[in-house]
């Protein structure tokens, strides 16, 4: 949830006046937050595909697509309300493109250079993840040196990429090559949690970002360093109290709809009311994410669990 909120505050700065707490979160860098989220995603997928390979694709489909479709439908609304060309109040940013790009986003094809739906540019990272999800059952069979070699090649490609083009897809699968290293680091860390060499993997984002954005987002670099320390330290800390586990799961689960819904909703709020209140944008996006989680995500998960139980 924290990493999703960092991304929300980065985009909220386009529309709102940013009081100190929001401005601090904005200073942590949305792209760096995505790198850390990719690490967590790689770790989580490694656990899922290792624990139960059967039905992996079905589980991923129902986990991703219902929420994705709802958020993509919402992403068309700003074009219906005003059309392209409206300016946000800060940084000279305006709404580009048109709703005609929507059919390209019935599935997350951003990594294959699908025409962007600019009301929701955050989908670029989901395009990266979908490709890596598709590869996960094969990666599970790869030996560690091969996965490690691919990770290193991706990390080098990331450092060699011009900063301004970091999350823009120059050619098909370009963003997967740029950012796949962060996901693969999490994948490998799950596979070798106690290996001495693997303890550097949670710090890989810190090293990469330091090499890449040292003079652009210093607070983001600190966030990546703290993330690595926390991930490694978790192995030595007492287990989380049982009562808090459902809360932590809920916070993690809500972060997905929050990540996908916040940007189109902010455009809708700006077009409808021209407000500069950060509290309005923040509260609305959190509320929308919670509603989508409980009305779309949870029922979809229950459905796939029921289907898989019947098939056994």
Protein backbone atom coordinates (compact mmCIF):
# COMPACT_ATOMS: atom_id res chain seq x y z
CA UNK A 1 0.00 0.00 0.00
CA UNK A 2 2.78 2.45 0.90
CA UNK A 3 4.43 2.13 -2.52
CA UNK A 4 1.09 2.63 -4.28
CA UNK A 5 0.52 5.78 -2.21
CA UNK A 6 3.93 7.10 -3.27
CA UNK A 7 2.86 6.71 -6.92
CA UNK A 8 -0.51 8.35 -6.16
CA UNK A 9 1.22 11.37 -4.60
CA UNK A 10 3.57 11.67 -7.56
CA UNK A 11 0.62 11.94 -9.93
CA UNK A 12 -1.45 14.01 -7.51
CA UNK A 13 1.17 16.77 -7.73
CA UNK A 14 -0.04 17.34 -11.30
CA UNK A 15 -3.47 18.40 -10.03
CA UNK A 16 -3.22 19.57 -6.42
CA UNK A 17 -1.38 21.87 -4.09
CA UNK A 18 0.79 19.53 -2.06
CA UNK A 19 0.92 20.04 1.73
CA UNK A 20 4.00 18.77 3.52
CA UNK A 21 3.02 15.09 4.15
CA UNK A 22 1.95 14.63 0.52
CA UNK A 23 4.97 16.50 -0.79
CA UNK A 24 7.31 14.23 1.18
CA UNK A 25 5.67 11.15 -0.37
CA UNK A 26 5.94 12.81 -3.79
CA UNK A 27 9.67 13.33 -3.25
CA UNK A 28 10.20 9.57 -2.84
CA UNK A 29 9.82 9.04 -6.62
CA UNK A 30 7.05 7.06 -8.27
CA UNK A 31 9.39 5.18 -10.61
CA UNK A 32 11.51 4.01 -7.67
CA UNK A 33 8.35 2.85 -5.91
CA UNK A 34 7.45 0.81 -8.99
CA UNK A 35 10.88 -0.85 -8.92
CA UNK A 36 10.31 -1.96 -5.34
CA UNK A 37 6.80 -3.12 -6.16
CA UNK A 38 8.23 -5.22 -8.99
CA UNK A 39 10.61 -6.87 -6.53
CA UNK A 40 7.68 -7.75 -4.26
CA UNK A 41 5.71 -9.00 -7.26
CA UNK A 42 8.55 -11.27 -8.38
CA UNK A 43 8.83 -12.70 -4.87
CA UNK A 44 5.06 -13.24 -4.64
CA UNK A 45 4.81 -14.91 -8.07
CA UNK A 46 7.75 -17.19 -7.28
CA UNK A 47 5.86 -18.31 -4.18
CA UNK A 48 2.61 -18.82 -6.11
CA UNK A 49 4.06 -20.79 -9.01
CA UNK A 50 6.30 -22.88 -6.73
CA UNK A 51 3.61 -23.70 -4.20
CA UNK A 52 0.92 -24.57 -6.76
CA UNK A 53 1.85 -24.56 -10.44
CA UNK A 54 -1.49 -26.06 -11.52
CA UNK A 55 -4.00 -23.34 -12.31
CA UNK A 56 -1.39 -20.58 -12.11
CA UNK A 57 -2.57 -18.76 -15.24
CA UNK A 58 -6.21 -19.01 -14.20
CA UNK A 59 -5.44 -17.53 -10.79
CA UNK A 60 -3.45 -14.70 -12.33
CA UNK A 61 -6.19 -13.95 -14.86
CA UNK A 62 -8.92 -13.60 -12.25
CA UNK A 63 -6.62 -11.68 -9.93
CA UNK A 64 -5.73 -9.10 -12.58
CA UNK A 65 -8.36 -8.75 -15.24
CA UNK A 66 -11.68 -7.90 -13.52
CA UNK A 67 -10.12 -4.95 -11.68
CA UNK A 68 -8.17 -4.02 -14.80
CA UNK A 69 -11.29 -3.92 -16.98
CA UNK A 70 -13.19 -1.74 -14.51
CA UNK A 71 -10.31 0.72 -14.27
CA UNK A 72 -9.89 0.83 -18.05
CA UNK A 73 -13.58 1.67 -18.45
CA UNK A 74 -13.14 4.50 -15.94
CA UNK A 75 -10.10 5.64 -17.94
CA UNK A 76 -12.37 6.41 -20.91
CA UNK A 77 -14.60 8.74 -18.86
CA UNK A 78 -12.29 11.81 -18.98
CA UNK A 79 -12.43 11.69 -22.79
CA UNK A 80 -16.22 11.50 -22.69
CA UNK A 81 -16.40 14.42 -20.25
CA UNK A 82 -14.07 16.79 -22.09
CA UNK A 83 -11.94 15.14 -24.75
CA UNK A 84 -8.19 15.43 -25.21
CA UNK A 85 -6.35 18.68 -24.75
CA UNK A 86 -7.44 19.79 -21.29
CA UNK A 87 -4.52 21.00 -19.17
CA UNK A 88 -3.83 19.94 -15.60
CA UNK A 89 -2.95 22.91 -13.37
CA UNK A 90 0.72 22.03 -12.85
CA UNK A 91 3.79 21.20 -14.94
CA UNK A 92 2.07 22.00 -18.25
CA UNK A 93 0.69 18.47 -18.49
CA UNK A 94 -2.39 17.93 -20.63
CA UNK A 95 -4.59 14.97 -21.45
CA UNK A 96 -3.39 13.45 -24.70
CA UNK A 97 -4.70 10.72 -26.97
CA UNK A 98 -8.31 9.62 -27.25
CA UNK A 99 -10.73 6.92 -26.22
CA UNK A 100 -10.04 5.21 -29.53
CA UNK A 101 -7.01 3.61 -27.85
CA UNK A 102 -9.33 1.72 -25.48
CA UNK A 103 -9.68 -1.47 -27.60
CA UNK A 104 -5.89 -1.89 -27.40
CA UNK A 105 -6.22 -2.05 -23.62
CA UNK A 106 -8.74 -4.84 -23.29
CA UNK A 107 -5.63 -6.75 -22.27
CA UNK A 108 -2.42 -5.14 -20.91
CA UNK A 109 -0.43 -4.76 -24.14
CA UNK A 110 1.64 -1.73 -23.13
CA UNK A 111 4.88 -3.72 -23.34
CA UNK A 112 4.11 -4.41 -27.02
CA UNK A 113 3.80 -0.69 -27.87
CA UNK A 114 0.01 -0.52 -27.77
CA UNK A 115 -1.24 3.05 -28.33
CA UNK A 116 -1.26 4.60 -24.83
CA UNK A 117 -4.46 5.54 -23.06
CA UNK A 118 -3.03 8.71 -21.59
CA UNK A 119 -5.73 9.12 -18.96
CA UNK A 120 -4.13 6.12 -17.25
CA UNK A 121 -0.39 5.98 -18.02
CA UNK A 122 0.30 3.82 -14.96
CA UNK A 123 -0.65 0.72 -16.98
CA UNK A 124 2.87 0.58 -18.46
CA UNK A 125 4.18 -1.33 -15.43
CA UNK A 126 1.29 -3.79 -15.54
CA UNK A 127 2.31 -4.57 -19.13
CA UNK A 128 5.77 -5.46 -17.81
CA UNK A 129 4.34 -7.70 -15.12
CA UNK A 130 1.98 -9.55 -17.46
CA UNK A 131 4.90 -10.62 -19.67
CA UNK A 132 6.85 -11.81 -16.63
CA UNK A 133 3.80 -13.62 -15.23
CA UNK A 134 3.53 -15.47 -18.53
CA UNK A 135 7.18 -16.51 -18.23
CA UNK A 136 7.00 -17.57 -14.56
CA UNK A 137 6.25 -21.30 -15.09
CA UNK A 138 9.25 -21.53 -17.42
CA UNK A 139 11.47 -19.46 -15.14
CA UNK A 140 10.65 -21.87 -12.34
CA UNK A 141 12.49 -24.57 -14.31
CA UNK A 142 15.51 -22.45 -15.16
CA UNK A 143 18.66 -22.89 -13.17
CA UNK A 144 19.65 -19.97 -11.02
CA UNK A 145 22.74 -18.94 -13.09
CA UNK A 146 20.53 -18.46 -16.16
CA UNK A 147 17.96 -16.37 -14.30
CA UNK A 148 20.78 -14.38 -12.71
CA UNK A 149 22.38 -13.73 -16.11
CA UNK A 150 19.11 -12.41 -17.53
CA UNK A 151 18.64 -10.21 -14.45
CA UNK A 152 22.12 -8.69 -14.79
CA UNK A 153 21.62 -8.04 -18.52
CA UNK A 154 18.33 -6.28 -17.77
CA UNK A 155 19.93 -4.19 -15.00
CA UNK A 156 22.68 -3.05 -17.37
CA UNK A 157 20.08 -2.13 -19.98
CA UNK A 158 18.23 -0.05 -17.39
CA UNK A 159 21.32 1.93 -16.44
CA UNK A 160 22.12 2.58 -20.11
CA UNK A 161 18.60 3.92 -20.81
CA UNK A 162 18.17 7.73 -20.96
CA UNK A 163 16.39 8.89 -17.81
CA UNK A 164 13.57 10.71 -19.62
CA UNK A 165 12.66 7.56 -21.55
CA UNK A 166 12.75 5.18 -18.58
CA UNK A 167 9.16 3.95 -18.74
CA UNK A 168 8.42 4.67 -22.40
CA UNK A 169 8.33 1.66 -24.69
CA UNK A 170 10.71 2.42 -27.57
CA UNK A 171 10.28 -0.99 -29.17
CA UNK A 172 8.22 -4.11 -28.27
CA UNK A 173 9.23 -5.54 -24.87
CA UNK A 174 11.62 -2.64 -24.27
CA UNK A 175 10.10 -1.89 -20.86
CA UNK A 176 10.39 -5.57 -19.90
CA UNK A 177 14.11 -5.41 -20.67
CA UNK A 178 14.47 -2.17 -18.72
CA UNK A 179 12.60 -3.17 -15.59
CA UNK A 180 12.61 -6.97 -15.58
CA UNK A 181 15.70 -7.05 -13.35
CA UNK A 182 13.71 -5.75 -10.36
CA UNK A 183 11.08 -8.50 -10.76
CA UNK A 184 13.72 -11.20 -11.31
CA UNK A 185 15.57 -10.04 -8.18
CA UNK A 186 12.46 -10.75 -6.12
CA UNK A 187 11.98 -14.08 -7.92
CA UNK A 188 15.53 -15.14 -7.07
CA UNK A 189 15.30 -13.90 -3.50
CA UNK A 190 12.35 -16.20 -2.91
CA UNK A 191 14.34 -19.10 -4.36
CA UNK A 192 17.47 -18.44 -2.26
CA UNK A 193 16.34 -16.54 0.86
CA UNK A 194 19.30 -17.65 2.99
CA UNK A 195 22.12 -17.66 0.45
CA UNK A 196 24.73 -15.01 1.39
CA UNK A 197 24.93 -13.67 -2.19
CA UNK A 198 21.13 -13.32 -2.35
CA UNK A 199 21.12 -10.83 0.53
CA UNK A 200 22.27 -8.22 -1.96
CA UNK A 201 19.19 -8.69 -4.16
CA UNK A 202 16.85 -6.48 -2.06
CA UNK A 203 19.48 -3.74 -2.36
CA UNK A 204 19.73 -4.00 -6.14
CA UNK A 205 17.13 -1.26 -6.67
CA UNK A 206 19.15 1.01 -4.36
CA UNK A 207 22.34 0.36 -6.34
CA UNK A 208 20.63 0.79 -9.71
CA UNK A 209 18.81 3.96 -8.72
CA UNK A 210 21.97 5.42 -7.19
CA UNK A 211 23.79 4.85 -10.46
CA UNK A 212 20.88 6.17 -12.49
CA UNK A 213 19.11 9.00 -10.66
CA UNK A 214 21.56 10.19 -8.00
CA UNK A 215 20.95 13.87 -8.68
CA UNK A 216 17.25 13.58 -9.51
CA UNK A 217 15.48 11.74 -6.69
CA UNK A 218 17.74 11.48 -3.61
CA UNK A 219 14.79 10.61 -1.36
CA UNK A 220 13.86 7.79 -3.71
CA UNK A 221 17.38 6.41 -3.27
CA UNK A 222 16.91 6.49 0.51
CA UNK A 223 13.58 4.68 0.15
CA UNK A 224 15.25 1.92 -1.89
CA UNK A 225 18.01 1.55 0.71
CA UNK A 226 15.54 1.33 3.60
CA UNK A 227 13.50 -1.21 1.62
CA UNK A 228 16.54 -3.47 1.27
CA UNK A 229 17.35 -3.22 4.97
CA UNK A 230 13.76 -4.05 5.94
CA UNK A 231 13.49 -7.04 3.58
CA UNK A 232 16.70 -8.60 4.89
CA UNK A 233 15.84 -7.77 8.51
CA UNK A 234 12.47 -9.52 8.26
CA UNK A 235 14.30 -12.87 8.32
CA UNK A 236 15.58 -12.09 11.82
CA UNK A 237 12.51 -10.41 13.33
CA UNK A 238 9.74 -12.22 15.26
CA UNK A 239 6.76 -13.44 13.27
CA UNK A 240 3.97 -10.94 12.67
CA UNK A 241 1.14 -11.34 15.23
CA UNK A 242 -1.66 -13.48 13.83
CA UNK A 243 -4.29 -10.78 14.35
CA UNK A 244 -2.45 -8.31 12.13
CA UNK A 245 -2.00 -10.68 9.16
CA UNK A 246 -5.49 -10.05 7.65
CA UNK A 247 -4.91 -6.30 7.93
CA UNK A 248 -1.60 -6.56 6.11
CA UNK A 249 -3.17 -8.73 3.40
CA UNK A 250 -5.99 -6.20 2.99
CA UNK A 251 -3.56 -3.28 2.63
CA UNK A 252 -1.54 -5.20 0.04
CA UNK A 253 -4.62 -6.26 -1.92
CA UNK A 254 -6.14 -2.77 -2.06
CA UNK A 255 -2.91 -1.37 -3.50
CA UNK A 256 -3.64 -2.97 -6.90
CA UNK A 257 -6.96 -1.17 -7.59
CA UNK A 258 -5.47 1.97 -6.03
CA UNK A 259 -2.60 1.90 -8.50
CA UNK A 260 -4.89 1.43 -11.49
CA UNK A 261 -7.77 3.77 -10.61
CA UNK A 262 -6.03 6.84 -9.21
CA UNK A 263 -4.94 8.62 -12.39
CA UNK A 264 -8.21 8.48 -14.41
CA UNK A 265 -10.15 9.39 -11.27
CA UNK A 266 -7.94 12.45 -10.73
CA UNK A 267 -8.61 13.58 -14.30
CA UNK A 268 -12.35 13.13 -13.70
CA UNK A 269 -12.21 15.17 -10.47
CA UNK A 270 -10.21 17.94 -12.15
CA UNK A 271 -12.54 18.13 -15.15
CA UNK A 272 -15.65 18.09 -12.96
CA UNK A 273 -14.62 20.48 -10.19
CA UNK A 274 -11.24 22.11 -10.89
CA UNK A 275 -10.27 21.55 -7.26
CA UNK A 276 -6.68 21.91 -6.05
CA UNK A 277 -7.30 20.08 -2.76
CA UNK A 278 -4.88 17.22 -2.20
CA UNK A 279 -7.19 15.82 0.48
CA UNK A 280 -10.05 15.52 -2.03
CA UNK A 281 -7.92 13.66 -4.59
CA UNK A 282 -6.34 11.40 -1.98
CA UNK A 283 -9.58 10.51 -0.19
CA UNK A 284 -11.43 9.87 -3.46
CA UNK A 285 -8.77 7.52 -4.83
CA UNK A 286 -8.52 5.54 -1.57
CA UNK A 287 -12.32 5.24 -1.38
CA UNK A 288 -12.58 4.14 -5.03
CA UNK A 289 -9.87 1.52 -4.54
CA UNK A 290 -11.62 0.08 -1.47
CA UNK A 291 -14.96 -0.07 -3.32
CA UNK A 292 -13.40 -1.80 -6.34
CA UNK A 293 -11.60 -4.27 -4.10
CA UNK A 294 -14.76 -5.30 -2.25
CA UNK A 295 -17.18 -5.26 -5.20
CA UNK A 296 -14.95 -6.58 -8.00
CA UNK A 297 -11.72 -8.14 -6.76
CA UNK A 298 -13.03 -10.21 -3.84
CA UNK A 299 -15.97 -11.71 -5.78
CA UNK A 300 -13.64 -12.61 -8.67
CA UNK A 301 -11.26 -14.37 -6.29
CA UNK A 302 -14.11 -16.26 -4.66
CA UNK A 303 -15.30 -17.37 -8.10
CA UNK A 304 -11.93 -18.74 -9.18
CA UNK A 305 -11.48 -20.55 -5.85
CA UNK A 306 -14.88 -22.17 -6.32
CA UNK A 307 -14.05 -23.19 -9.89
CA UNK A 308 -10.72 -24.71 -8.90
CA UNK A 309 -12.28 -26.66 -6.04
CA UNK A 310 -14.84 -28.14 -8.46
CA UNK A 311 -12.09 -29.15 -10.91
CA UNK A 312 -10.20 -31.14 -8.27
